[in-house]
Amino acid sequence: MEPKLALSAADALALAPLAAPWLDRGIPELEIRSLLTDGLPPAVHSARALLADRLVRKLPAPRSPRDAAAPAAPLVECAECRDPLPRDQQTGICGSCAGVASPAPKPALAPVDVPERVAGLRALLHTRPVITVARG
């Protein structure tokens, strides 16, 4: 966490009721941390007061809960080539098919002998040199 926002146990307990709605709304902890710490002033005189203000003022709108076991929404495909469309495009054809973007080259994947590749990687791990650092 941000050193400027160090809290005592009492401060953390006092802020807990303000943080609960964030978690109830399904906001991930990393996003909460980012929203609360972005744009901090150069000096923070009261971490508790600053966080209390931000916990109330920056509370995002409720989000619809998503079942973690549910499959991700499928990507929308180009009506012609079946490549995925950009995320903001819901129908139609891609830029390549429309002639406004050059088609991205499709990498050719060479066949891989997995057991052979794993054996080679294991051999590399066992033969790598040991590096010692002299202290003094």
Protein backbone atom coordinates (compact mmCIF):
# COMPACT_ATOMS: atom_id res chain seq x y z
CA MET A 1 0.00 0.00 0.00
CA GLU A 2 1.02 3.62 -0.36
CA PRO A 3 3.25 4.74 2.56
CA LYS A 4 1.45 8.10 2.74
CA LEU A 5 -1.72 6.19 3.63
CA ALA A 6 -0.44 4.23 6.62
CA LEU A 7 -3.28 3.58 9.05
CA SER A 8 -3.46 2.47 12.64
CA ALA A 9 -5.62 -0.54 13.48
CA ALA A 10 -8.22 1.83 14.97
CA ASP A 11 -8.28 3.90 11.75
CA ALA A 12 -8.68 0.77 9.63
CA LEU A 13 -11.58 -0.42 11.79
CA ALA A 14 -13.22 3.00 11.54
CA LEU A 15 -12.96 2.93 7.73
CA ALA A 16 -14.20 -0.66 7.34
CA PRO A 17 -17.91 0.31 7.12
CA LEU A 18 -17.05 2.71 4.28
CA ALA A 19 -15.07 0.01 2.44
CA ALA A 20 -17.77 -2.69 2.73
CA PRO A 21 -20.00 -1.25 -0.05
CA TRP A 22 -17.06 -1.41 -2.46
CA LEU A 23 -16.65 -5.13 -1.83
CA ASP A 24 -20.42 -5.68 -1.87
CA ARG A 25 -20.51 -4.13 -5.34
CA GLY A 26 -17.94 -6.60 -6.62
CA ILE A 27 -15.09 -4.15 -7.05
CA PRO A 28 -11.80 -6.11 -7.13
CA GLU A 29 -9.26 -5.21 -4.44
CA LEU A 30 -6.66 -4.07 -6.97
CA GLU A 31 -9.16 -1.68 -8.53
CA ILE A 32 -10.14 -0.34 -5.11
CA ARG A 33 -6.48 0.24 -4.29
CA SER A 34 -5.93 2.03 -7.57
CA LEU A 35 -9.00 4.25 -7.22
CA LEU A 36 -8.06 5.23 -3.68
CA THR A 37 -4.37 5.92 -4.32
CA ASP A 38 -4.36 7.54 -7.77
CA GLY A 39 -3.57 11.25 -7.73
CA LEU A 40 -2.52 11.60 -4.11
CA PRO A 41 -1.44 15.06 -3.01
CA PRO A 42 2.29 15.58 -2.30
CA ALA A 43 1.63 15.59 1.44
CA VAL A 44 -1.08 13.67 3.25
CA HIS A 45 -1.80 15.08 6.69
CA SER A 46 -4.56 12.65 7.64
CA ALA A 47 -4.67 9.32 5.82
CA ARG A 48 -7.91 8.42 7.61
CA ALA A 49 -9.69 11.60 6.51
CA LEU A 50 -8.42 11.37 2.95
CA LEU A 51 -9.46 7.72 2.61
CA ALA A 52 -12.85 8.36 4.23
CA ASP A 53 -13.51 11.09 1.69
CA ARG A 54 -12.40 8.94 -1.26
CA LEU A 55 -14.32 5.87 -0.06
CA VAL A 56 -17.53 7.92 -0.13
CA ARG A 57 -16.86 10.18 -3.12
CA LYS A 58 -15.36 7.62 -5.51
CA LEU A 59 -17.71 4.70 -4.82
CA PRO A 60 -18.48 3.17 -8.25
CA ALA A 61 -21.96 2.22 -9.35
CA PRO A 62 -23.10 -1.33 -8.52
CA ARG A 63 -21.93 -3.99 -10.95
CA SER A 64 -23.84 -7.02 -12.01
CA PRO A 65 -22.42 -10.10 -10.34
CA ARG A 66 -20.76 -12.55 -12.69
CA ASP A 67 -20.58 -16.22 -11.98
CA ALA A 68 -16.88 -17.10 -11.89
CA ALA A 69 -17.67 -20.53 -13.32
CA ALA A 70 -19.58 -19.09 -16.27
CA PRO A 71 -17.75 -19.08 -19.57
CA ALA A 72 -16.49 -15.76 -20.86
CA ALA A 73 -18.65 -14.04 -23.43
CA PRO A 74 -17.59 -15.20 -26.88
CA LEU A 75 -15.76 -12.77 -29.11
CA VAL A 76 -17.78 -11.35 -31.96
CA GLU A 77 -16.46 -12.58 -35.30
CA CYS A 78 -16.07 -10.90 -38.66
CA ALA A 79 -18.94 -11.91 -40.93
CA GLU A 80 -16.49 -12.77 -43.73
CA CYS A 81 -13.18 -14.13 -42.39
CA ARG A 82 -14.38 -15.16 -38.89
CA ASP A 83 -11.47 -13.38 -37.16
CA PRO A 84 -12.38 -11.64 -33.87
CA LEU A 85 -13.69 -8.10 -34.24
CA PRO A 86 -12.33 -5.25 -32.11
CA ARG A 87 -13.97 -5.16 -28.67
CA ASP A 88 -15.94 -2.01 -29.45
CA GLN A 89 -17.39 -3.46 -32.67
CA GLN A 90 -20.40 -5.76 -32.21
CA THR A 91 -21.33 -6.61 -35.82
CA GLY A 92 -20.08 -6.43 -39.38
CA ILE A 93 -16.73 -7.12 -40.93
CA CYS A 94 -13.19 -6.44 -39.78
CA GLY A 95 -10.94 -3.71 -41.13
CA SER A 96 -8.99 -6.21 -43.25
CA CYS A 97 -12.11 -7.44 -45.03
CA ALA A 98 -13.35 -3.88 -45.45
CA GLY A 99 -10.02 -2.93 -47.04
CA VAL A 100 -9.15 -0.27 -44.46
CA ALA A 101 -6.52 -2.24 -42.53
CA SER A 102 -3.82 -4.58 -43.66
CA PRO A 103 -4.42 -8.13 -42.55
CA ALA A 104 -2.31 -9.23 -39.63
CA PRO A 105 0.06 -12.01 -40.60
CA LYS A 106 -0.90 -15.33 -39.09
CA PRO A 107 2.12 -16.99 -37.52
CA ALA A 108 2.88 -20.46 -38.74
CA LEU A 109 3.31 -22.79 -35.82
CA ALA A 110 5.86 -25.49 -36.23
CA PRO A 111 4.90 -28.87 -34.81
CA VAL A 112 6.49 -29.47 -31.44
CA ASP A 113 7.46 -32.81 -29.95
CA VAL A 114 6.42 -32.03 -26.38
CA PRO A 115 8.27 -34.86 -24.57
CA GLU A 116 11.45 -34.00 -26.46
CA ARG A 117 11.09 -30.30 -25.68
CA VAL A 118 10.49 -30.99 -21.96
CA ALA A 119 13.52 -33.29 -21.82
CA GLY A 120 15.66 -30.57 -23.41
CA LEU A 121 14.45 -27.97 -20.92
CA ARG A 122 15.14 -30.29 -17.99
CA ALA A 123 18.64 -30.92 -19.31
CA LEU A 124 19.23 -27.15 -19.50
CA LEU A 125 18.15 -26.73 -15.89
CA HIS A 126 20.56 -29.40 -14.70
CA THR A 127 23.53 -28.07 -16.68
CA ARG A 128 23.28 -24.35 -16.02
CA PRO A 129 26.27 -22.87 -14.20
CA VAL A 130 26.03 -21.91 -10.56
CA ILE A 131 26.86 -18.26 -10.04
CA THR A 132 28.32 -17.24 -6.73
CA VAL A 133 28.61 -13.67 -5.59
CA ALA A 134 31.71 -12.72 -3.66
CA ARG A 135 31.01 -10.50 -0.71
CA GLY A 136 33.56 -8.41 0.86
